PDB file of N, CA and C in Angstrom:
ATOM      1  N   UNK A   1      86.355  10.200-177.062  1.00  0.00           N
ATOM      2  CA  UNK A   1      86.665  10.390-178.522  1.00  0.00           C
ATOM      3  C   UNK A   1      86.426   9.097-179.236  1.00  0.00           C
ATOM      4  N   UNK A   2      85.667   9.327-180.306  1.00  0.00           N
ATOM      5  CA  UNK A   2      85.477   8.151-181.093  1.00  0.00           C
ATOM      6  C   UNK A   2      86.637   8.050-182.063  1.00  0.00           C
ATOM      7  N   UNK A   3      87.193   6.891-182.218  1.00  0.00           N
ATOM      8  CA  UNK A   3      88.348   6.717-183.091  1.00  0.00           C
ATOM      9  C   UNK A   3      88.060   7.119-184.574  1.00  0.00           C
ATOM     10  N   UNK A   4      88.768   8.109-185.016  1.00  0.00           N
ATOM     11  CA  UNK A   4      88.458   8.654-186.424  1.00  0.00           C
ATOM     12  C   UNK A   4      89.595   8.358-187.346  1.00  0.00           C
ATOM     13  N   UNK A   5      89.517   7.330-188.104  1.00  0.00           N
ATOM     14  CA  UNK A   5      90.642   6.948-188.898  1.00  0.00           C
ATOM     15  C   UNK A   5      90.730   7.833-190.195  1.00  0.00           C
ATOM     16  N   UNK A   6      89.838   8.794-190.309  1.00  0.00           N
ATOM     17  CA  UNK A   6      89.996   9.717-191.418  1.00  0.00           C
ATOM     18  C   UNK A   6      90.915  10.865-191.105  1.00  0.00           C
ATOM     19  N   UNK A   7      91.432  10.969-189.826  1.00  0.00           N
ATOM     20  CA  UNK A   7      92.429  11.986-189.526  1.00  0.00           C
ATOM     21  C   UNK A   7      93.703  11.670-190.247  1.00  0.00           C
ATOM     22  N   UNK A   8      94.314  12.687-190.646  1.00  0.00           N
ATOM     23  CA  UNK A   8      95.672  12.618-191.259  1.00  0.00           C
ATOM     24  C   UNK A   8      96.648  12.214-190.145  1.00  0.00           C
ATOM     25  N   UNK A   9      97.754  11.637-190.541  1.00  0.00           N
ATOM     26  CA  UNK A   9      98.815  11.300-189.579  1.00  0.00           C
ATOM     27  C   UNK A   9      99.155  12.543-188.762  1.00  0.00           C
ATOM     28  N   UNK A  10      99.375  13.694-189.451  1.00  0.00           N
ATOM     29  CA  UNK A  10      99.816  14.877-188.883  1.00  0.00           C
ATOM     30  C   UNK A  10      98.783  15.417-187.867  1.00  0.00           C
ATOM     31  N   UNK A  11      97.484  15.402-188.263  1.00  0.00           N
ATOM     32  CA  UNK A  11      96.418  15.834-187.369  1.00  0.00           C
ATOM     33  C   UNK A  11      96.324  14.993-186.106  1.00  0.00           C
ATOM     34  N   UNK A  12      96.421  13.611-186.310  1.00  0.00           N
ATOM     35  CA  UNK A  12      96.303  12.708-185.173  1.00  0.00           C
ATOM     36  C   UNK A  12      97.460  12.875-184.209  1.00  0.00           C
ATOM     37  N   UNK A  13      98.657  13.076-184.771  1.00  0.00           N
ATOM     38  CA  UNK A  13      99.840  13.245-183.939  1.00  0.00           C
ATOM     39  C   UNK A  13      99.741  14.640-183.175  1.00  0.00           C
ATOM     40  N   UNK A  14      99.269  15.624-183.869  1.00  0.00           N
ATOM     41  CA  UNK A  14      99.127  17.023-183.238  1.00  0.00           C
ATOM     42  C   UNK A  14      98.182  16.884-182.058  1.00  0.00           C
ATOM     43  N   UNK A  15      96.974  16.095-182.263  1.00  0.00           N
ATOM     44  CA  UNK A  15      96.043  16.028-181.170  1.00  0.00           C
ATOM     45  C   UNK A  15      96.658  15.215-179.990  1.00  0.00           C
ATOM     46  N   UNK A  16      97.348  14.202-180.242  1.00  0.00           N
ATOM     47  CA  UNK A  16      97.976  13.397-179.230  1.00  0.00           C
ATOM     48  C   UNK A  16      99.020  14.183-178.476  1.00  0.00           C
ATOM     49  N   UNK A  17      99.775  14.911-179.186  1.00  0.00           N
ATOM     50  CA  UNK A  17     100.825  15.851-178.577  1.00  0.00           C
ATOM     51  C   UNK A  17     100.231  16.913-177.684  1.00  0.00           C
ATOM     52  N   UNK A  18      99.119  17.492-178.154  1.00  0.00           N
ATOM     53  CA  UNK A  18      98.419  18.544-177.340  1.00  0.00           C
ATOM     54  C   UNK A  18      97.924  17.945-176.030  1.00  0.00           C
ATOM     55  N   UNK A  19      97.349  16.819-176.170  1.00  0.00           N
ATOM     56  CA  UNK A  19      96.863  16.042-174.950  1.00  0.00           C
ATOM     57  C   UNK A  19      97.990  15.800-173.980  1.00  0.00           C
ATOM     58  N   UNK A  20      99.080  15.279-174.513  1.00  0.00           N
ATOM     59  CA  UNK A  20     100.217  14.957-173.641  1.00  0.00           C
ATOM     60  C   UNK A  20     100.821  16.247-173.037  1.00  0.00           C
ATOM     61  N   UNK A  21     100.893  17.330-173.737  1.00  0.00           N
ATOM     62  CA  UNK A  21     101.354  18.601-173.105  1.00  0.00           C
ATOM     63  C   UNK A  21     100.406  18.993-171.991  1.00  0.00           C
ATOM     64  N   UNK A  22      99.034  18.867-172.241  1.00  0.00           N
ATOM     65  CA  UNK A  22      98.053  19.273-171.298  1.00  0.00           C
ATOM     66  C   UNK A  22      98.273  18.422-169.983  1.00  0.00           C
ATOM     67  N   UNK A  23      98.489  17.098-170.175  1.00  0.00           N
ATOM     68  CA  UNK A  23      98.657  16.256-169.009  1.00  0.00           C
ATOM     69  C   UNK A  23      99.919  16.614-168.305  1.00  0.00           C
ATOM     70  N   UNK A  24     100.969  16.830-169.063  1.00  0.00           N
ATOM     71  CA  UNK A  24     102.299  17.210-168.423  1.00  0.00           C
ATOM     72  C   UNK A  24     102.189  18.520-167.619  1.00  0.00           C
ATOM     73  N   UNK A  25     101.341  19.488-168.088  1.00  0.00           N
ATOM     74  CA  UNK A  25     101.311  20.775-167.449  1.00  0.00           C
ATOM     75  C   UNK A  25     100.288  20.866-166.426  1.00  0.00           C
ATOM     76  N   UNK A  26      99.464  19.860-166.269  1.00  0.00           N
ATOM     77  CA  UNK A  26      98.320  19.898-165.284  1.00  0.00           C
ATOM     78  C   UNK A  26      98.866  19.587-163.938  1.00  0.00           C
ATOM     79  N   UNK A  27      98.444  20.393-162.968  1.00  0.00           N
ATOM     80  CA  UNK A  27      98.835  20.301-161.667  1.00  0.00           C
ATOM     81  C   UNK A  27      97.868  19.499-160.797  1.00  0.00           C
ATOM     82  N   UNK A  28      96.561  19.571-161.212  1.00  0.00           N
ATOM     83  CA  UNK A  28      95.618  18.869-160.289  1.00  0.00           C
ATOM     84  C   UNK A  28      94.431  18.297-161.214  1.00  0.00           C
ATOM     85  N   UNK A  29      94.702  17.207-161.742  1.00  0.00           N
ATOM     86  CA  UNK A  29      93.675  16.438-162.431  1.00  0.00           C
ATOM     87  C   UNK A  29      93.291  15.248-161.651  1.00  0.00           C
ATOM     88  N   UNK A  30      91.983  14.921-161.692  1.00  0.00           N
ATOM     89  CA  UNK A  30      91.524  13.723-161.098  1.00  0.00           C
ATOM     90  C   UNK A  30      92.100  12.474-161.811  1.00  0.00           C
ATOM     91  N   UNK A  31      92.174  11.439-161.164  1.00  0.00           N
ATOM     92  CA  UNK A  31      92.660  10.204-161.832  1.00  0.00           C
ATOM     93  C   UNK A  31      91.763   9.829-162.928  1.00  0.00           C
ATOM     94  N   UNK A  32      90.481  10.046-162.902  1.00  0.00           N
ATOM     95  CA  UNK A  32      89.564   9.612-163.899  1.00  0.00           C
ATOM     96  C   UNK A  32      89.769  10.522-165.099  1.00  0.00           C
ATOM     97  N   UNK A  33      89.923  11.853-164.944  1.00  0.00           N
ATOM     98  CA  UNK A  33      90.152  12.804-166.098  1.00  0.00           C
ATOM     99  C   UNK A  33      91.488  12.428-166.716  1.00  0.00           C
ATOM    100  N   UNK A  34      92.545  12.174-165.914  1.00  0.00           N
ATOM    101  CA  UNK A  34      93.873  11.843-166.449  1.00  0.00           C
ATOM    102  C   UNK A  34      93.738  10.487-167.274  1.00  0.00           C
ATOM    103  N   UNK A  35      93.006   9.528-166.816  1.00  0.00           N
ATOM    104  CA  UNK A  35      92.841   8.253-167.408  1.00  0.00           C
ATOM    105  C   UNK A  35      92.082   8.466-168.815  1.00  0.00           C
ATOM    106  N   UNK A  36      91.045   9.288-168.795  1.00  0.00           N
ATOM    107  CA  UNK A  36      90.238   9.486-170.020  1.00  0.00           C
ATOM    108  C   UNK A  36      91.139  10.213-171.075  1.00  0.00           C
ATOM    109  N   UNK A  37      91.920  11.217-170.599  1.00  0.00           N
ATOM    110  CA  UNK A  37      92.785  11.951-171.603  1.00  0.00           C
ATOM    111  C   UNK A  37      93.941  11.078-172.113  1.00  0.00           C
ATOM    112  N   UNK A  38      94.515  10.254-171.264  1.00  0.00           N
ATOM    113  CA  UNK A  38      95.547   9.375-171.679  1.00  0.00           C
ATOM    114  C   UNK A  38      95.087   8.347-172.702  1.00  0.00           C
ATOM    115  N   UNK A  39      93.860   7.854-172.450  1.00  0.00           N
ATOM    116  CA  UNK A  39      93.215   6.908-173.424  1.00  0.00           C
ATOM    117  C   UNK A  39      92.912   7.571-174.763  1.00  0.00           C
ATOM    118  N   UNK A  40      92.543   8.807-174.731  1.00  0.00           N
ATOM    119  CA  UNK A  40      92.247   9.540-175.987  1.00  0.00           C
ATOM    120  C   UNK A  40      93.596   9.691-176.800  1.00  0.00           C
ATOM    121  N   UNK A  41      94.693  10.126-176.065  1.00  0.00           N
ATOM    122  CA  UNK A  41      95.924  10.242-176.716  1.00  0.00           C
ATOM    123  C   UNK A  41      96.404   8.968-177.280  1.00  0.00           C
ATOM    124  N   UNK A  42      96.199   7.786-176.606  1.00  0.00           N
ATOM    125  CA  UNK A  42      96.517   6.545-177.185  1.00  0.00           C
ATOM    126  C   UNK A  42      95.772   6.178-178.408  1.00  0.00           C
ATOM    127  N   UNK A  43      94.499   6.564-178.413  1.00  0.00           N
ATOM    128  CA  UNK A  43      93.732   6.318-179.665  1.00  0.00           C
ATOM    129  C   UNK A  43      94.310   7.105-180.800  1.00  0.00           C
ATOM    130  N   UNK A  44      94.697   8.397-180.601  1.00  0.00           N
ATOM    131  CA  UNK A  44      95.213   9.107-181.683  1.00  0.00           C
ATOM    132  C   UNK A  44      96.580   8.528-182.148  1.00  0.00           C
ATOM    133  N   UNK A  45      97.366   8.040-181.202  1.00  0.00           N
ATOM    134  CA  UNK A  45      98.637   7.398-181.611  1.00  0.00           C
ATOM    135  C   UNK A  45      98.455   6.150-182.303  1.00  0.00           C
ATOM    136  N   UNK A  46      97.319   5.424-181.983  1.00  0.00           N
ATOM    137  CA  UNK A  46      96.955   4.186-182.687  1.00  0.00           C
ATOM    138  C   UNK A  46      96.708   4.569-184.151  1.00  0.00           C
ATOM    139  N   UNK A  47      96.057   5.602-184.420  1.00  0.00           N
ATOM    140  CA  UNK A  47      95.772   6.083-185.765  1.00  0.00           C
ATOM    141  C   UNK A  47      97.084   6.326-186.529  1.00  0.00           C
ATOM    142  N   UNK A  48      98.043   6.848-185.823  1.00  0.00           N
ATOM    143  CA  UNK A  48      99.383   7.117-186.440  1.00  0.00           C
ATOM    144  C   UNK A  48     100.063   5.807-186.783  1.00  0.00           C
ATOM    145  N   UNK A  49     100.069   4.860-185.829  1.00  0.00           N
ATOM    146  CA  UNK A  49     100.626   3.595-186.093  1.00  0.00           C
ATOM    147  C   UNK A  49     100.055   2.899-187.235  1.00  0.00           C
ATOM    148  N   UNK A  50      98.691   2.889-187.318  1.00  0.00           N
ATOM    149  CA  UNK A  50      97.996   2.283-188.444  1.00  0.00           C
ATOM    150  C   UNK A  50      98.447   2.790-189.737  1.00  0.00           C
ATOM    151  N   UNK A  51      98.535   4.162-189.815  1.00  0.00           N
ATOM    152  CA  UNK A  51      98.902   4.704-191.089  1.00  0.00           C
ATOM    153  C   UNK A  51     100.430   4.470-191.442  1.00  0.00           C
ATOM    154  N   UNK A  52     101.250   4.377-190.436  1.00  0.00           N
ATOM    155  CA  UNK A  52     102.600   3.947-190.699  1.00  0.00           C
ATOM    156  C   UNK A  52     102.641   2.570-191.225  1.00  0.00           C
ATOM    157  N   UNK A  53     101.970   1.693-190.576  1.00  0.00           N
ATOM    158  CA  UNK A  53     101.930   0.314-191.078  1.00  0.00           C
ATOM    159  C   UNK A  53     101.436   0.125-192.441  1.00  0.00           C
ATOM    160  N   UNK A  54     100.411   0.933-192.756  1.00  0.00           N
ATOM    161  CA  UNK A  54      99.850   0.884-194.169  1.00  0.00           C
ATOM    162  C   UNK A  54     100.886   1.294-195.174  1.00  0.00           C
ATOM    163  N   UNK A  55     101.604   2.431-194.859  1.00  0.00           N
ATOM    164  CA  UNK A  55     102.671   2.879-195.760  1.00  0.00           C
ATOM    165  C   UNK A  55     103.772   1.888-195.873  1.00  0.00           C
ATOM    166  N   UNK A  56     104.189   1.305-194.779  1.00  0.00           N
ATOM    167  CA  UNK A  56     105.191   0.277-194.764  1.00  0.00           C
ATOM    168  C   UNK A  56     104.888  -0.898-195.738  1.00  0.00           C
ATOM    169  N   UNK A  57     103.605  -1.363-195.596  1.00  0.00           N
ATOM    170  CA  UNK A  57     103.132  -2.428-196.410  1.00  0.00           C
ATOM    171  C   UNK A  57     103.119  -2.101-197.875  1.00  0.00           C
ATOM    172  N   UNK A  58     102.629  -0.864-198.190  1.00  0.00           N
ATOM    173  CA  UNK A  58     102.617  -0.380-199.564  1.00  0.00           C
ATOM    174  C   UNK A  58     104.048  -0.362-200.131  1.00  0.00           C
ATOM    175  N   UNK A  59     104.954   0.124-199.369  1.00  0.00           N
ATOM    176  CA  UNK A  59     106.387   0.209-199.746  1.00  0.00           C
ATOM    177  C   UNK A  59     106.969  -1.183-200.038  1.00  0.00           C
ATOM    178  N   UNK A  60     106.621  -2.106-199.103  1.00  0.00           N
ATOM    179  CA  UNK A  60     107.086  -3.485-199.285  1.00  0.00           C
ATOM    180  C   UNK A  60     106.570  -4.023-200.588  1.00  0.00           C
ATOM    181  N   UNK A  61     105.316  -3.772-200.892  1.00  0.00           N
ATOM    182  CA  UNK A  61     104.689  -4.318-202.081  1.00  0.00           C
ATOM    183  C   UNK A  61     105.381  -3.734-203.286  1.00  0.00           C
ATOM    184  N   UNK A  62     105.611  -2.363-203.231  1.00  0.00           N
ATOM    185  CA  UNK A  62     106.275  -1.796-204.417  1.00  0.00           C
ATOM    186  C   UNK A  62     107.665  -2.329-204.631  1.00  0.00           C
ATOM    187  N   UNK A  63     108.355  -2.652-203.543  1.00  0.00           N
ATOM    188  CA  UNK A  63     109.758  -3.110-203.613  1.00  0.00           C
ATOM    189  C   UNK A  63     109.733  -4.522-204.316  1.00  0.00           C
ATOM    190  N   UNK A  64     108.685  -5.238-204.093  1.00  0.00           N
ATOM    191  CA  UNK A  64     108.640  -6.663-204.566  1.00  0.00           C
ATOM    192  C   UNK A  64     108.429  -6.681-206.087  1.00  0.00           C
ATOM    193  N   UNK A  65     107.853  -5.642-206.686  1.00  0.00           N
ATOM    194  CA  UNK A  65     107.476  -5.569-208.013  1.00  0.00           C
ATOM    195  C   UNK A  65     108.696  -5.492-208.896  1.00  0.00           C
TER     196      UNK A  65
END
């Protein structure tokens, strides 16, 4: 997955949660497949964290005014 910062928070979170559910329900994944899917989920979660940080910064700036 190429990191797509244009995803909304909700879409990125939904994609990460879907991957996590898939990993939790999988009974026989190779370590390589597991690693790739876990990495993809981390990328979606990074998008969520970036968007939260951006909102926090905006709120702090508004509060300073």
